[in-house]
Protein backbone atom coordinates (compact mmCIF):
# COMPACT_ATOMS: atom_id res chain seq x y z
CA MET A 1 28.02 -21.06 36.00
CA PRO A 2 25.01 -21.06 33.73
CA ASN A 3 21.80 -19.40 34.77
CA CYS A 4 18.36 -20.94 34.37
CA ALA A 5 16.48 -19.44 31.45
CA ARG A 6 13.20 -19.62 33.35
CA CYS A 7 13.94 -18.46 36.88
CA GLY A 8 17.51 -17.09 36.63
CA THR A 9 19.01 -19.33 39.36
CA ASP A 10 22.76 -20.14 39.18
CA ASN A 11 23.33 -23.84 38.46
CA ASP A 12 26.34 -26.13 38.01
CA SER A 13 27.81 -26.27 34.52
CA SER A 14 27.09 -30.02 34.32
CA ALA A 15 23.44 -29.67 35.43
CA LYS A 16 20.83 -30.69 32.91
CA PHE A 17 17.91 -29.34 34.94
CA CYS A 18 17.54 -26.27 37.15
CA LYS A 19 17.92 -27.04 40.84
CA ASN A 20 15.27 -24.46 41.73
CA CYS A 21 12.43 -24.87 39.18
CA GLY A 22 13.34 -28.13 37.37
CA SER A 23 13.21 -26.71 33.85
CA PRO A 24 15.74 -28.10 31.33
CA MET A 25 18.96 -26.14 31.00
CA VAL A 26 19.87 -24.75 27.59
CA SER A 27 23.33 -26.00 26.73
CA GLN A 28 24.17 -23.77 23.75
CA GLY A 29 22.64 -20.99 21.77
CA TYR A 30 21.28 -17.77 23.04
CA ALA A 31 19.53 -17.36 26.34
CA PRO A 32 16.04 -15.92 26.13
CA PRO A 33 15.52 -12.60 27.86
CA PRO A 34 14.62 -12.80 31.53
CA PRO A 35 10.95 -12.49 32.38
CA PRO A 36 9.70 -9.01 33.25
CA PRO A 37 9.67 -8.19 36.93
CA PRO A 38 6.28 -8.69 38.60
CA GLY A 39 4.10 -5.82 39.65
CA GLN A 40 4.47 -3.54 36.67
CA GLY A 41 0.91 -2.34 37.00
CA TYR A 42 -1.64 -2.00 34.25
CA SER A 43 -0.52 -2.33 30.66
CA SER A 44 -2.67 -1.83 27.60
CA PRO A 45 -4.11 -4.98 26.05
CA PRO A 46 -2.48 -6.25 22.88
CA PRO A 47 -3.98 -5.02 19.62
CA PRO A 48 -6.57 -7.28 17.99
CA PRO A 49 -5.31 -9.62 15.29
CA PRO A 50 -5.64 -8.29 11.75
CA GLN A 51 -8.80 -9.25 9.91
CA PRO A 52 -8.29 -11.25 6.74
CA GLY A 53 -8.98 -9.33 3.57
CA TYR A 54 -11.22 -10.38 0.71
CA TYR A 55 -9.49 -12.77 -1.63
CA GLN A 56 -11.00 -14.10 -4.80
CA GLN A 57 -11.35 -17.82 -4.70
CA GLN A 58 -8.84 -19.50 -6.94
CA PRO A 59 -10.30 -21.68 -9.66
CA GLY A 60 -9.90 -25.40 -9.22
CA TYR A 61 -7.16 -27.27 -10.98
CA GLY A 62 -7.97 -27.93 -14.60
CA GLN A 63 -11.07 -25.75 -14.68
CA GLN A 64 -10.98 -23.07 -17.32
CA THR A 65 -13.03 -20.14 -16.07
CA ASP A 66 -12.27 -17.51 -18.67
CA SER A 67 -11.52 -17.00 -22.32
CA GLY A 68 -7.77 -16.53 -21.83
CA LEU A 69 -7.98 -12.79 -22.52
CA GLN A 70 -7.44 -9.94 -20.14
CA GLN A 71 -10.60 -8.90 -18.40
CA ASN A 72 -10.93 -5.48 -20.00
CA VAL A 73 -10.15 -6.82 -23.50
CA ALA A 74 -12.81 -9.52 -23.17
CA ALA A 75 -15.32 -6.92 -21.97
CA LEU A 76 -14.52 -4.70 -24.96
CA LEU A 77 -14.95 -7.57 -27.40
CA CYS A 78 -18.48 -8.15 -26.05
CA TYR A 79 -19.56 -5.04 -27.98
CA VAL A 80 -17.80 -5.66 -31.31
CA LEU A 81 -20.56 -7.51 -33.18
CA GLY A 82 -23.44 -6.47 -30.98
CA TRP A 83 -25.52 -9.02 -29.15
CA LEU A 84 -23.87 -11.94 -30.95
CA THR A 85 -20.44 -11.50 -29.32
CA GLY A 86 -22.15 -10.63 -26.06
CA LEU A 87 -23.89 -13.99 -26.16
CA VAL A 88 -20.65 -15.82 -26.96
CA PHE A 89 -18.74 -14.20 -24.09
CA PHE A 90 -21.65 -14.69 -21.70
CA PHE A 91 -21.39 -18.46 -22.10
CA ILE A 92 -17.60 -18.72 -22.44
CA ASP A 93 -16.30 -16.39 -19.71
CA LYS A 94 -17.28 -16.78 -16.06
CA ARG A 95 -15.69 -13.61 -14.65
CA PRO A 96 -18.33 -11.22 -13.25
CA PHE A 97 -16.89 -8.14 -14.98
CA VAL A 98 -16.96 -9.78 -18.40
CA ARG A 99 -20.39 -11.33 -17.83
CA PHE A 100 -21.76 -7.90 -16.87
CA HIS A 101 -20.58 -6.38 -20.15
CA ALA A 102 -21.75 -9.40 -22.12
CA MET A 103 -25.23 -9.13 -20.60
CA GLN A 104 -25.26 -5.39 -21.22
CA SER A 105 -24.33 -5.99 -24.86
CA ILE A 106 -27.08 -8.59 -25.21
CA LEU A 107 -29.71 -6.32 -23.69
CA VAL A 108 -28.75 -3.10 -25.47
CA PHE A 109 -27.97 -4.43 -28.93
CA GLY A 110 -30.62 -7.13 -28.73
CA GLY A 111 -33.18 -4.48 -27.83
CA ILE A 112 -32.06 -2.30 -30.70
CA HIS A 113 -32.25 -5.28 -33.06
CA ILE A 114 -35.79 -6.16 -31.91
CA LEU A 115 -36.83 -2.50 -32.19
CA HIS A 116 -35.41 -2.38 -35.71
CA LEU A 117 -37.33 -5.52 -36.69
CA LEU A 118 -40.58 -4.16 -35.26
CA LEU A 119 -40.18 -0.82 -37.00
CA SER A 120 -39.37 -2.50 -40.30
CA ILE A 121 -42.58 -4.53 -40.04
CA LEU A 122 -44.70 -1.55 -39.02
CA PHE A 123 -43.17 0.96 -41.43
CA PRO A 124 -41.76 -0.90 -44.45
CA PHE A 125 -41.46 2.28 -46.52
CA LEU A 126 -38.74 3.58 -44.17
CA HIS A 127 -36.38 0.98 -45.60
CA LEU A 128 -37.21 2.18 -49.08
CA TRP A 129 -36.33 5.76 -48.14
CA SER A 130 -33.05 4.72 -46.55
CA LEU A 131 -32.20 2.69 -49.65
CA LEU A 132 -33.04 5.63 -51.92
CA PHE A 133 -31.00 7.97 -49.73
CA ALA A 134 -27.96 5.66 -49.93
CA LEU A 135 -28.41 5.29 -53.68
CA SER A 136 -28.60 9.06 -54.18
CA GLY A 137 -25.44 9.44 -52.11
CA LEU A 138 -23.61 7.00 -54.34
CA ILE A 139 -24.87 8.74 -57.48
CA SER A 140 -23.69 12.10 -56.17
CA LEU A 141 -20.23 10.65 -55.51
CA VAL A 142 -19.91 9.37 -59.07
CA SER A 143 -21.17 12.48 -60.83
């Protein structure tokens, strides 16, 4: 005689519903465990559900958001030709890490370039000395 999965009452083998509670009888498969006996006292509340972690938003289909290079390689290439490559990667690549290094390259090397231009206007003879120093170095290598 099968037992009711809900209340545990014995029923006829041909019964489709429990004669005590009216719930449908399970014909095959496993029987779920019986309910816990009442009056167990206080039990601790269930743990809170896990909080979702931070996930980067996936780019939309067909949108190219980066240069196709690994992030650290693209950041390194921002410094190769000074502010020029920094400017290129700033407009091509949308990843924050690469854009940070591109902006840093633009600011540092662009600032150095502007400082160099200002100093060459203010002190034009410094270029002459550097040219003479390079020329004397070449002469000393030959002789």
